[in-house]
Amino acid sequence: MLQRTLRSLCLVLSLAALLAGPGSAVGAPACDRPFTLALHDHGLLYDSQTGEGIDRDIADALARRSGCKFNVSLMPRARIWQLIEAGLLDFSLSGIRNDARDRFAGFAWYFSNKYHLLVRKDAGVASLADFDRNPALKLGVIRSFRYSATANTLVDKLDSQGRVSHATTLAALYQVLLDNRLQAMIIEPFDYPALQNDRIRTHTMVMEFDDPPVPHGLIMSRKSVSPEQQQAWRALVDAMRADGTVTRIFEKYFKPELARQLTQF
């Protein structure tokens, strides 16, 4: 309870700093040029067929709150990270950190979630260790995606054994899973609607990684967004969390309890 109260206080202070304007320790983002922001096609985060999703709504909220102009595009996730590192893309969304990414990207967290393993029922797997031990089983991942600690360890180990299949979209992974050309893939809450597909539900089961939730956030290129401006964008995202904007966006796509679980951390 005390930790939650302290987190709420920090968010409120961030909101106050943002509203105080340029004279405060952390001013508002500077809208001195149009910014580039890329989305990636990933379940409820963004659906390229409908043009809708959580990250689309977050991007729109960032534009409204900051008054800045964003040129929004759709790219594969691997390409997004390359352009962020090169300074040729200012922002993306729903990114997670690691040591390599910290060298070229800053982050502003707005949700946190766990990862799960979606496994074919006929793979004969009762535990993660079972999957690891069977050399005939293959795992599918999205190219350049990283996950929680245990999931990353599994991916890296299987990849070194030639047991990982890479794809650019979730749809492609679901298809090769149903074709039994791979026997498992890593999923998160944004992928849950696909599990309602009769074929996927019939042939698969979900296993948990015993890892804590992983923070995800606004990705900011260190080459194109200054440290001071990263702080300003971080304060804006914190303010959106503090006043309930982020939770309300998630409630469009999830039941209220899960939306709060994902956004109030």
Protein backbone atom coordinates (compact mmCIF):
# COMPACT_ATOMS: atom_id res chain seq x y z
CA MET A 1 0.00 0.00 0.00
CA LEU A 2 2.81 2.41 0.91
CA GLN A 3 4.64 1.68 -2.34
CA ARG A 4 1.48 2.31 -4.38
CA THR A 5 0.91 5.60 -2.52
CA LEU A 6 4.48 6.71 -3.20
CA ARG A 7 4.15 5.83 -6.91
CA SER A 8 0.92 7.83 -7.12
CA LEU A 9 2.61 10.80 -5.43
CA CYS A 10 5.48 10.67 -7.93
CA LEU A 11 3.02 10.68 -10.83
CA VAL A 12 1.14 13.64 -9.36
CA LEU A 13 4.39 15.57 -8.92
CA SER A 14 5.30 14.82 -12.54
CA LEU A 15 1.91 16.17 -13.63
CA ALA A 16 2.44 19.33 -11.57
CA ALA A 17 5.88 19.85 -13.09
CA LEU A 18 4.49 19.46 -16.60
CA LEU A 19 1.64 21.88 -16.02
CA ALA A 20 3.99 24.45 -14.51
CA GLY A 21 5.38 25.08 -17.99
CA PRO A 22 8.79 26.17 -19.31
CA GLY A 23 9.82 27.85 -16.08
CA SER A 24 9.65 24.60 -14.13
CA ALA A 25 12.41 22.03 -13.69
CA VAL A 26 10.80 19.91 -16.44
CA GLY A 27 9.04 21.98 -19.10
CA ALA A 28 6.60 20.93 -21.77
CA PRO A 29 7.93 19.20 -24.92
CA ALA A 30 9.21 21.63 -27.52
CA CYS A 31 7.17 21.46 -30.75
CA ASP A 32 9.87 23.09 -32.87
CA ARG A 33 9.51 20.55 -35.71
CA PRO A 34 7.28 17.68 -36.81
CA PHE A 35 8.24 14.40 -35.14
CA THR A 36 8.31 10.92 -36.64
CA LEU A 37 6.63 8.05 -34.81
CA ALA A 38 6.31 4.47 -36.04
CA LEU A 39 3.75 1.85 -35.04
CA HIS A 40 4.08 -1.90 -35.54
CA ASP A 41 1.29 -4.34 -36.34
CA HIS A 42 0.67 -6.30 -33.14
CA GLY A 43 -2.76 -7.41 -32.02
CA LEU A 44 -4.54 -4.91 -29.81
CA LEU A 45 -1.56 -2.56 -29.82
CA TYR A 46 -2.17 -1.76 -33.49
CA ASP A 47 -4.14 -3.47 -36.23
CA SER A 48 -3.06 -2.35 -39.68
CA GLN A 49 -6.33 -3.62 -41.17
CA THR A 50 -8.50 -1.34 -39.03
CA GLY A 51 -5.99 1.42 -38.26
CA GLU A 52 -6.94 1.11 -34.59
CA GLY A 53 -5.27 0.02 -31.39
CA ILE A 54 -3.87 1.07 -28.04
CA ASP A 55 -0.65 2.53 -29.46
CA ARG A 56 -2.59 4.49 -32.09
CA ASP A 57 -4.66 6.00 -29.26
CA ILE A 58 -1.55 6.72 -27.19
CA ALA A 59 0.07 8.45 -30.18
CA ASP A 60 -3.05 10.59 -30.67
CA ALA A 61 -3.08 11.48 -26.95
CA LEU A 62 0.58 12.48 -27.06
CA ALA A 63 -0.14 14.80 -29.99
CA ARG A 64 -3.16 16.38 -28.28
CA ARG A 65 -1.45 16.87 -24.94
CA SER A 66 1.81 18.23 -26.35
CA GLY A 67 0.40 20.22 -29.27
CA CYS A 68 3.18 18.74 -31.41
CA LYS A 69 2.73 17.30 -34.91
CA PHE A 70 3.53 13.62 -35.46
CA ASN A 71 4.09 11.95 -38.80
CA VAL A 72 2.93 8.43 -37.99
CA SER A 73 3.94 5.41 -40.07
CA LEU A 74 3.78 1.61 -39.90
CA MET A 75 7.00 -0.45 -39.90
CA PRO A 76 8.27 -3.89 -38.91
CA ARG A 77 9.60 -3.87 -35.35
CA ALA A 78 13.17 -4.70 -36.38
CA ARG A 79 13.24 -1.71 -38.75
CA ILE A 80 11.91 0.58 -36.01
CA TRP A 81 14.80 -0.27 -33.69
CA GLN A 82 17.33 0.27 -36.49
CA LEU A 83 15.96 3.74 -37.28
CA ILE A 84 15.70 4.72 -33.61
CA GLU A 85 19.36 3.79 -33.15
CA ALA A 86 20.39 5.77 -36.24
CA GLY A 87 18.41 8.83 -35.15
CA LEU A 88 16.25 8.63 -38.28
CA LEU A 89 13.08 7.96 -36.26
CA ASP A 90 12.18 10.00 -33.19
CA PHE A 91 9.64 7.81 -31.41
CA SER A 92 7.90 4.48 -31.26
CA LEU A 93 5.66 2.86 -28.65
CA SER A 94 5.32 -0.19 -26.38
CA GLY A 95 9.07 -0.78 -26.23
CA ILE A 96 11.01 -2.61 -23.52
CA ARG A 97 14.57 -1.86 -22.47
CA ASN A 98 17.72 -3.93 -22.34
CA ASP A 99 21.37 -2.96 -21.99
CA ALA A 100 21.91 -2.72 -25.75
CA ARG A 101 18.86 -0.52 -26.31
CA ASP A 102 19.74 1.74 -23.39
CA ARG A 103 22.74 2.96 -25.38
CA PHE A 104 20.57 4.52 -28.09
CA ALA A 105 17.05 4.87 -26.67
CA GLY A 106 15.28 6.42 -23.71
CA PHE A 107 11.91 5.22 -22.41
CA ALA A 108 8.77 6.58 -20.74
CA TRP A 109 6.76 3.72 -19.22
CA TYR A 110 2.98 3.54 -19.58
CA PHE A 111 2.12 -0.15 -19.06
CA SER A 112 3.57 -3.39 -17.76
CA ASN A 113 2.64 -6.96 -18.63
CA LYS A 114 3.63 -10.62 -18.33
CA TYR A 115 4.50 -13.02 -21.14
CA HIS A 116 3.18 -16.53 -21.76
CA LEU A 117 4.10 -19.49 -23.93
CA LEU A 118 1.42 -20.66 -26.37
CA VAL A 119 2.13 -24.37 -26.97
CA ARG A 120 0.58 -26.98 -29.22
CA LYS A 121 -1.30 -29.55 -27.14
CA ASP A 122 0.16 -32.42 -29.17
CA ALA A 123 3.75 -31.36 -28.44
CA GLY A 124 3.80 -33.48 -25.28
CA VAL A 125 4.88 -30.54 -23.12
CA ALA A 126 3.87 -30.19 -19.47
CA SER A 127 6.50 -27.61 -18.48
CA LEU A 128 8.96 -25.13 -19.95
CA ALA A 129 11.72 -27.62 -19.17
CA ASP A 130 9.96 -30.23 -21.32
CA PHE A 131 9.99 -27.87 -24.28
CA ASP A 132 13.64 -26.98 -23.69
CA ARG A 133 14.73 -30.64 -23.53
CA ASN A 134 13.04 -31.86 -26.72
CA PRO A 135 15.25 -31.01 -29.73
CA ALA A 136 12.38 -31.69 -32.14
CA LEU A 137 10.36 -28.73 -30.85
CA LYS A 138 10.70 -25.27 -32.39
CA LEU A 139 9.73 -21.84 -31.09
CA GLY A 140 8.41 -18.91 -33.13
CA VAL A 141 9.20 -15.27 -32.35
CA ILE A 142 8.80 -11.86 -33.97
CA ARG A 143 12.11 -10.62 -35.33
CA SER A 144 13.87 -8.24 -32.86
CA PHE A 145 11.29 -8.83 -30.09
CA ARG A 146 12.55 -9.24 -26.54
CA TYR A 147 10.52 -10.51 -23.63
CA SER A 148 10.85 -11.22 -19.89
CA ALA A 149 14.04 -12.68 -18.40
CA THR A 150 13.06 -16.37 -18.49
CA ALA A 151 11.51 -16.03 -21.94
CA ASN A 152 14.65 -14.31 -23.27
CA THR A 153 16.83 -17.07 -21.83
CA LEU A 154 14.71 -19.71 -23.55
CA VAL A 155 14.72 -17.83 -26.86
CA ASP A 156 18.48 -17.31 -26.83
CA LYS A 157 19.22 -20.93 -25.91
CA LEU A 158 16.91 -22.37 -28.56
CA ASP A 159 18.18 -19.89 -31.15
CA SER A 160 21.74 -21.10 -30.58
CA GLN A 161 20.44 -24.62 -31.32
CA GLY A 162 18.70 -23.59 -34.53
CA ARG A 163 15.28 -24.12 -32.97
CA VAL A 164 13.84 -20.62 -33.40
CA SER A 165 11.76 -19.45 -36.36
CA HIS A 166 11.59 -15.67 -36.94
CA ALA A 167 8.66 -13.82 -38.51
CA THR A 168 7.70 -10.20 -39.01
CA THR A 169 4.02 -10.56 -38.02
CA LEU A 170 1.96 -12.47 -35.49
CA ALA A 171 -0.36 -13.70 -38.24
CA ALA A 172 2.54 -15.52 -39.88
CA LEU A 173 3.51 -17.16 -36.58
CA TYR A 174 -0.04 -18.33 -35.89
CA GLN A 175 -0.19 -19.94 -39.32
CA VAL A 176 3.05 -21.90 -39.00
CA LEU A 177 2.00 -22.92 -35.47
CA LEU A 178 -1.28 -24.31 -36.83
CA ASP A 179 0.66 -26.03 -39.61
CA ASN A 180 2.84 -27.66 -36.90
CA ARG A 181 6.01 -26.25 -38.44
CA LEU A 182 6.69 -24.80 -35.00
CA GLN A 183 5.26 -25.92 -31.69
CA ALA A 184 5.16 -22.77 -29.56
CA MET A 185 5.25 -18.99 -29.63
CA ILE A 186 5.47 -16.26 -26.99
CA ILE A 187 2.35 -14.16 -26.42
CA GLU A 188 1.18 -11.27 -24.23
CA PRO A 189 -2.25 -9.79 -23.40
CA PHE A 190 -2.49 -7.90 -26.72
CA ASP A 191 -2.56 -11.25 -28.51
CA TYR A 192 -5.48 -12.69 -26.51
CA PRO A 193 -8.20 -12.02 -29.14
CA ALA A 194 -6.45 -14.41 -31.53
CA LEU A 195 -6.81 -17.15 -28.93
CA GLN A 196 -10.58 -17.00 -29.49
CA ASN A 197 -10.03 -18.41 -32.98
CA ASP A 198 -11.50 -21.92 -32.91
CA ARG A 199 -8.49 -23.59 -34.55
CA ILE A 200 -5.96 -21.89 -32.27
CA ARG A 201 -7.99 -22.59 -29.13
CA THR A 202 -8.49 -26.24 -30.09
CA HIS A 203 -4.83 -26.98 -30.79
CA THR A 204 -3.00 -24.95 -28.14
CA MET A 205 -2.63 -24.30 -24.42
CA VAL A 206 -1.05 -21.43 -22.48
CA MET A 207 1.87 -21.80 -20.06
CA GLU A 208 3.20 -19.08 -17.77
CA PHE A 209 6.73 -17.78 -17.45
CA ASP A 210 7.52 -17.27 -13.77
CA ASP A 211 8.64 -13.67 -14.33
CA PRO A 212 7.37 -10.33 -13.00
CA PRO A 213 5.60 -7.94 -15.40
CA VAL A 214 7.88 -6.07 -17.81
CA PRO A 215 7.50 -2.27 -18.25
CA HIS A 216 6.75 -1.04 -21.78
CA GLY A 217 6.87 2.54 -22.92
CA LEU A 218 7.39 5.36 -25.35
CA ILE A 219 10.72 4.84 -27.14
CA MET A 220 12.80 7.98 -27.73
CA SER A 221 15.87 8.13 -29.96
CA ARG A 222 18.86 9.49 -28.04
CA LYS A 223 20.28 10.85 -31.30
CA SER A 224 17.25 12.95 -32.24
CA VAL A 225 15.64 13.74 -28.87
CA SER A 226 17.81 15.60 -26.36
CA PRO A 227 18.06 14.47 -22.72
CA GLU A 228 16.06 17.54 -21.65
CA GLN A 229 13.32 16.80 -24.14
CA GLN A 230 13.26 13.13 -23.14
CA GLN A 231 12.54 14.31 -19.62
CA ALA A 232 9.73 16.53 -20.90
CA TRP A 233 8.14 13.64 -22.81
CA ARG A 234 8.58 11.37 -19.79
CA ALA A 235 6.77 13.91 -17.61
CA LEU A 236 3.95 14.12 -20.16
CA VAL A 237 3.53 10.32 -20.20
CA ASP A 238 3.61 10.26 -16.38
CA ALA A 239 0.89 12.93 -16.35
CA MET A 240 -1.25 10.81 -18.71
CA ARG A 241 -0.90 7.92 -16.29
CA ALA A 242 -1.62 10.06 -13.24
CA ASP A 243 -4.85 11.55 -14.58
CA GLY A 244 -6.19 8.21 -15.85
CA THR A 245 -5.78 8.88 -19.59
CA VAL A 246 -3.69 5.76 -20.17
CA THR A 247 -6.01 3.53 -18.13
CA ARG A 248 -9.06 4.82 -20.01
CA ILE A 249 -7.39 3.99 -23.32
CA PHE A 250 -6.68 0.45 -22.14
CA GLU A 251 -10.27 0.08 -20.93
CA LYS A 252 -11.40 0.41 -24.56
CA TYR A 253 -9.65 -2.88 -25.29
CA PHE A 254 -9.64 -4.81 -22.00
CA LYS A 255 -11.97 -5.38 -19.07
CA PRO A 256 -11.46 -2.68 -16.41
CA GLU A 257 -9.68 -4.97 -13.95
CA LEU A 258 -7.08 -6.07 -16.50
CA ALA A 259 -6.71 -2.53 -17.83
CA ARG A 260 -5.88 -1.29 -14.33
CA GLN A 261 -3.51 -4.19 -13.76
CA LEU A 262 -1.61 -3.34 -16.94
CA THR A 263 -1.41 0.43 -16.39
CA GLN A 264 -1.20 0.93 -12.63
CA PHE A 265 2.22 -0.38 -11.65
